[in-house]
Amino acid sequence: MSRELLGELVPVGGGDAIPLTQEVMTLGRRSSCDIQLDFANVSGTHAELSFRNGIWHIRDMNSTNGVKVNGERKLTCRLRPGDELGFAKRRYKIVYQLPPGAVLEELMAEDEDIFSQSLLEKAGLEKPKDRDDRRR
């Protein structure tokens, strides 16, 4: 059973592309990660890639050496097609197609309402509040 290809991570400088076949994928040194990068300077679970609303996002999973997007260290970031990702000393270009008719700048500008959840809810330490009760 083949999975839909949502994009690829292409090693900068050459090598085999890594297919992105799931909407959420972990990346790290551990064999339990969806994308295993077996290098000493890559953390066990280094980062998470997620495909939402037609674009890829990256989130650092508290890695030792961090995640860089186009040379800048980031904790979370929306990714444009062709952005360069750095995990420790390893660099990859993310390649994917936008949904038909989508405008990149509109997708990149869609901001999540950061005040819609408490920090405890985001961390999974508190049950989500009933949003309907807040509106009354």
C-alpha atoms as a PDB file:
ATOM      1  CA  MET A   1       0.000   0.000   0.000  1.00  0.00           C
ATOM      2  CA  SER A   2       1.644   3.240  -1.096  1.00  0.00           C
ATOM      3  CA  ARG A   3       1.200   6.452   0.827  1.00  0.00           C
ATOM      4  CA  GLU A   4       0.567   9.843  -0.713  1.00  0.00           C
ATOM      5  CA  LEU A   5       3.763  11.827  -1.119  1.00  0.00           C
ATOM      6  CA  LEU A   6       3.348  15.158   0.704  1.00  0.00           C
ATOM      7  CA  GLY A   7       6.860  16.340  -0.070  1.00  0.00           C
ATOM      8  CA  GLU A   8      10.519  15.446   0.371  1.00  0.00           C
ATOM      9  CA  LEU A   9      13.564  16.412   2.382  1.00  0.00           C
ATOM     10  CA  VAL A  10      16.441  16.653  -0.088  1.00  0.00           C
ATOM     11  CA  PRO A  11      19.956  16.552   1.421  1.00  0.00           C
ATOM     12  CA  VAL A  12      21.966  19.671   0.563  1.00  0.00           C
ATOM     13  CA  GLY A  13      25.087  18.521  -1.247  1.00  0.00           C
ATOM     14  CA  GLY A  14      23.540  15.317  -2.555  1.00  0.00           C
ATOM     15  CA  GLY A  15      22.067  12.071  -1.373  1.00  0.00           C
ATOM     16  CA  ASP A  16      18.752  10.264  -1.426  1.00  0.00           C
ATOM     17  CA  ALA A  17      15.636  12.330  -0.799  1.00  0.00           C
ATOM     18  CA  ILE A  18      13.537  11.429   2.245  1.00  0.00           C
ATOM     19  CA  PRO A  19       9.837  11.101   1.356  1.00  0.00           C
ATOM     20  CA  LEU A  20       7.309  12.902   3.572  1.00  0.00           C
ATOM     21  CA  THR A  21       4.338  10.534   3.595  1.00  0.00           C
ATOM     22  CA  GLN A  22       2.486  11.355   6.825  1.00  0.00           C
ATOM     23  CA  GLU A  23       0.921  14.575   8.078  1.00  0.00           C
ATOM     24  CA  VAL A  24       2.950  14.378  11.306  1.00  0.00           C
ATOM     25  CA  MET A  25       6.455  12.928  11.332  1.00  0.00           C
ATOM     26  CA  THR A  26       9.132  12.871  14.016  1.00  0.00           C
ATOM     27  CA  LEU A  27      12.765  13.238  13.091  1.00  0.00           C
ATOM     28  CA  GLY A  28      15.726  12.149  15.204  1.00  0.00           C
ATOM     29  CA  ARG A  29      18.365   9.572  16.050  1.00  0.00           C
ATOM     30  CA  ARG A  30      16.013   7.032  17.674  1.00  0.00           C
ATOM     31  CA  SER A  31      14.770   4.137  15.607  1.00  0.00           C
ATOM     32  CA  SER A  32      11.229   4.971  16.787  1.00  0.00           C
ATOM     33  CA  CYS A  33      11.308   8.250  14.808  1.00  0.00           C
ATOM     34  CA  ASP A  34       9.543   8.384  11.453  1.00  0.00           C
ATOM     35  CA  ILE A  35      12.698   9.857   9.902  1.00  0.00           C
ATOM     36  CA  GLN A  36      15.821   8.415  11.479  1.00  0.00           C
ATOM     37  CA  LEU A  37      19.002  10.471  11.206  1.00  0.00           C
ATOM     38  CA  ASP A  38      21.572   8.256  12.878  1.00  0.00           C
ATOM     39  CA  PHE A  39      24.202  10.905  13.620  1.00  0.00           C
ATOM     40  CA  ALA A  40      25.760  11.568  17.047  1.00  0.00           C
ATOM     41  CA  ASN A  41      24.917  15.289  17.022  1.00  0.00           C
ATOM     42  CA  VAL A  42      21.210  14.712  16.243  1.00  0.00           C
ATOM     43  CA  SER A  43      18.999  14.353  19.328  1.00  0.00           C
ATOM     44  CA  GLY A  44      16.972  11.212  20.000  1.00  0.00           C
ATOM     45  CA  THR A  45      13.772  13.016  19.023  1.00  0.00           C
ATOM     46  CA  HIS A  46      15.070  16.191  17.419  1.00  0.00           C
ATOM     47  CA  ALA A  47      12.082  17.754  15.625  1.00  0.00           C
ATOM     48  CA  GLU A  48       8.531  17.246  14.443  1.00  0.00           C
ATOM     49  CA  LEU A  49       7.298  18.031  10.952  1.00  0.00           C
ATOM     50  CA  SER A  50       3.561  18.554  10.511  1.00  0.00           C
ATOM     51  CA  PHE A  51       1.531  19.245   7.370  1.00  0.00           C
ATOM     52  CA  ARG A  52      -1.369  21.594   8.148  1.00  0.00           C
ATOM     53  CA  ASN A  53      -3.555  23.704   5.870  1.00  0.00           C
ATOM     54  CA  GLY A  54      -1.409  22.866   2.843  1.00  0.00           C
ATOM     55  CA  ILE A  55       1.981  23.841   4.273  1.00  0.00           C
ATOM     56  CA  TRP A  56       4.671  22.135   6.325  1.00  0.00           C
ATOM     57  CA  HIS A  57       5.553  23.312   9.838  1.00  0.00           C
ATOM     58  CA  ILE A  58       8.566  22.381  11.951  1.00  0.00           C
ATOM     59  CA  ARG A  59       8.859  22.256  15.725  1.00  0.00           C
ATOM     60  CA  ASP A  60      12.044  21.732  17.727  1.00  0.00           C
ATOM     61  CA  MET A  61      11.477  18.962  20.279  1.00  0.00           C
ATOM     62  CA  ASN A  62      13.891  20.441  22.833  1.00  0.00           C
ATOM     63  CA  SER A  63      16.902  19.198  20.878  1.00  0.00           C
ATOM     64  CA  THR A  64      20.455  19.847  22.054  1.00  0.00           C
ATOM     65  CA  ASN A  65      21.720  21.383  18.812  1.00  0.00           C
ATOM     66  CA  GLY A  66      18.492  23.037  17.671  1.00  0.00           C
ATOM     67  CA  VAL A  67      16.658  23.421  14.398  1.00  0.00           C
ATOM     68  CA  LYS A  68      17.625  26.037  11.848  1.00  0.00           C
ATOM     69  CA  VAL A  69      15.452  27.339   9.029  1.00  0.00           C
ATOM     70  CA  ASN A  70      17.426  29.176   6.359  1.00  0.00           C
ATOM     71  CA  GLY A  71      20.307  29.543   8.817  1.00  0.00           C
ATOM     72  CA  GLU A  72      18.240  30.961  11.725  1.00  0.00           C
ATOM     73  CA  ARG A  73      17.518  28.938  14.852  1.00  0.00           C
ATOM     74  CA  LYS A  74      13.770  28.392  15.324  1.00  0.00           C
ATOM     75  CA  LEU A  75      11.541  26.681  17.881  1.00  0.00           C
ATOM     76  CA  THR A  76       8.575  26.552  15.503  1.00  0.00           C
ATOM     77  CA  CYS A  77       8.202  27.777  11.962  1.00  0.00           C
ATOM     78  CA  ARG A  78       5.989  27.551   8.889  1.00  0.00           C
ATOM     79  CA  LEU A  79       8.023  26.274   5.952  1.00  0.00           C
ATOM     80  CA  ARG A  80       7.967  27.589   2.408  1.00  0.00           C
ATOM     81  CA  PRO A  81       8.773  25.180  -0.416  1.00  0.00           C
ATOM     82  CA  GLY A  82      12.550  25.289  -0.882  1.00  0.00           C
ATOM     83  CA  ASP A  83      13.410  26.384   2.677  1.00  0.00           C
ATOM     84  CA  GLU A  84      16.634  24.928   4.048  1.00  0.00           C
ATOM     85  CA  LEU A  85      16.382  23.007   7.319  1.00  0.00           C
ATOM     86  CA  GLY A  86      19.358  22.355   9.554  1.00  0.00           C
ATOM     87  CA  PHE A  87      19.502  19.617  12.192  1.00  0.00           C
ATOM     88  CA  ALA A  88      22.852  19.862  13.981  1.00  0.00           C
ATOM     89  CA  LYS A  89      25.302  19.839  11.040  1.00  0.00           C
ATOM     90  CA  ARG A  90      22.899  18.164   8.579  1.00  0.00           C
ATOM     91  CA  ARG A  91      21.066  20.339   6.021  1.00  0.00           C
ATOM     92  CA  TYR A  92      18.012  19.520   3.920  1.00  0.00           C
ATOM     93  CA  LYS A  93      15.829  21.400   1.474  1.00  0.00           C
ATOM     94  CA  ILE A  94      12.082  20.848   1.907  1.00  0.00           C
ATOM     95  CA  VAL A  95      10.345  20.322  -1.420  1.00  0.00           C
ATOM     96  CA  TYR A  96       6.560  20.203  -1.744  1.00  0.00           C
ATOM     97  CA  GLN A  97       3.687  21.528  -3.838  1.00  0.00           C
ATOM     98  CA  LEU A  98       1.076  23.954  -2.574  1.00  0.00           C
ATOM     99  CA  PRO A  99      -2.581  22.942  -2.950  1.00  0.00           C
ATOM    100  CA  PRO A 100      -4.078  23.909  -6.331  1.00  0.00           C
ATOM    101  CA  GLY A 101      -5.139  27.552  -6.338  1.00  0.00           C
ATOM    102  CA  ALA A 102      -3.424  28.313  -3.018  1.00  0.00           C
ATOM    103  CA  VAL A 103      -1.490  31.541  -2.559  1.00  0.00           C
ATOM    104  CA  LEU A 104       1.677  31.053  -0.511  1.00  0.00           C
ATOM    105  CA  GLU A 105       1.552  34.449   1.186  1.00  0.00           C
ATOM    106  CA  GLU A 106      -2.045  33.867   2.317  1.00  0.00           C
ATOM    107  CA  LEU A 107      -1.163  30.451   3.753  1.00  0.00           C
ATOM    108  CA  MET A 108       1.876  31.882   5.527  1.00  0.00           C
ATOM    109  CA  ALA A 109      -0.131  34.806   6.953  1.00  0.00           C
ATOM    110  CA  GLU A 110      -2.841  32.654   8.537  1.00  0.00           C
ATOM    111  CA  ASP A 111      -2.014  33.002  12.202  1.00  0.00           C
ATOM    112  CA  GLU A 112      -3.197  30.625  14.836  1.00  0.00           C
ATOM    113  CA  ASP A 113      -5.017  32.371  17.699  1.00  0.00           C
ATOM    114  CA  ILE A 114      -2.305  32.078  20.340  1.00  0.00           C
ATOM    115  CA  PHE A 115      -4.713  33.077  23.098  1.00  0.00           C
ATOM    116  CA  SER A 116      -7.234  30.330  22.326  1.00  0.00           C
ATOM    117  CA  GLN A 117      -5.520  27.908  24.773  1.00  0.00           C
ATOM    118  CA  SER A 118      -3.740  28.306  28.059  1.00  0.00           C
ATOM    119  CA  LEU A 119      -0.114  27.230  28.282  1.00  0.00           C
ATOM    120  CA  LEU A 120      -1.168  24.317  30.516  1.00  0.00           C
ATOM    121  CA  GLU A 121      -3.635  23.161  27.828  1.00  0.00           C
ATOM    122  CA  LYS A 122      -0.964  23.415  25.117  1.00  0.00           C
ATOM    123  CA  ALA A 123       1.395  21.322  27.259  1.00  0.00           C
ATOM    124  CA  GLY A 124      -1.311  18.705  27.805  1.00  0.00           C
ATOM    125  CA  LEU A 125      -1.351  19.307  31.566  1.00  0.00           C
ATOM    126  CA  GLU A 126      -4.900  20.658  31.697  1.00  0.00           C
ATOM    127  CA  LYS A 127      -8.106  19.559  29.984  1.00  0.00           C
ATOM    128  CA  PRO A 128      -9.349  21.929  27.277  1.00  0.00           C
ATOM    129  CA  LYS A 129     -12.016  24.302  28.506  1.00  0.00           C
ATOM    130  CA  ASP A 130     -15.457  24.265  26.941  1.00  0.00           C
ATOM    131  CA  ARG A 131     -15.182  27.181  24.516  1.00  0.00           C
ATOM    132  CA  ASP A 132     -18.978  27.694  24.415  1.00  0.00           C
ATOM    133  CA  ASP A 133     -19.013  28.511  28.166  1.00  0.00           C
ATOM    134  CA  ARG A 134     -16.455  31.296  27.640  1.00  0.00           C
ATOM    135  CA  ARG A 135     -18.685  33.090  25.139  1.00  0.00           C
ATOM    136  CA  ARG A 136     -21.618  33.446  27.546  1.00  0.00           C
END
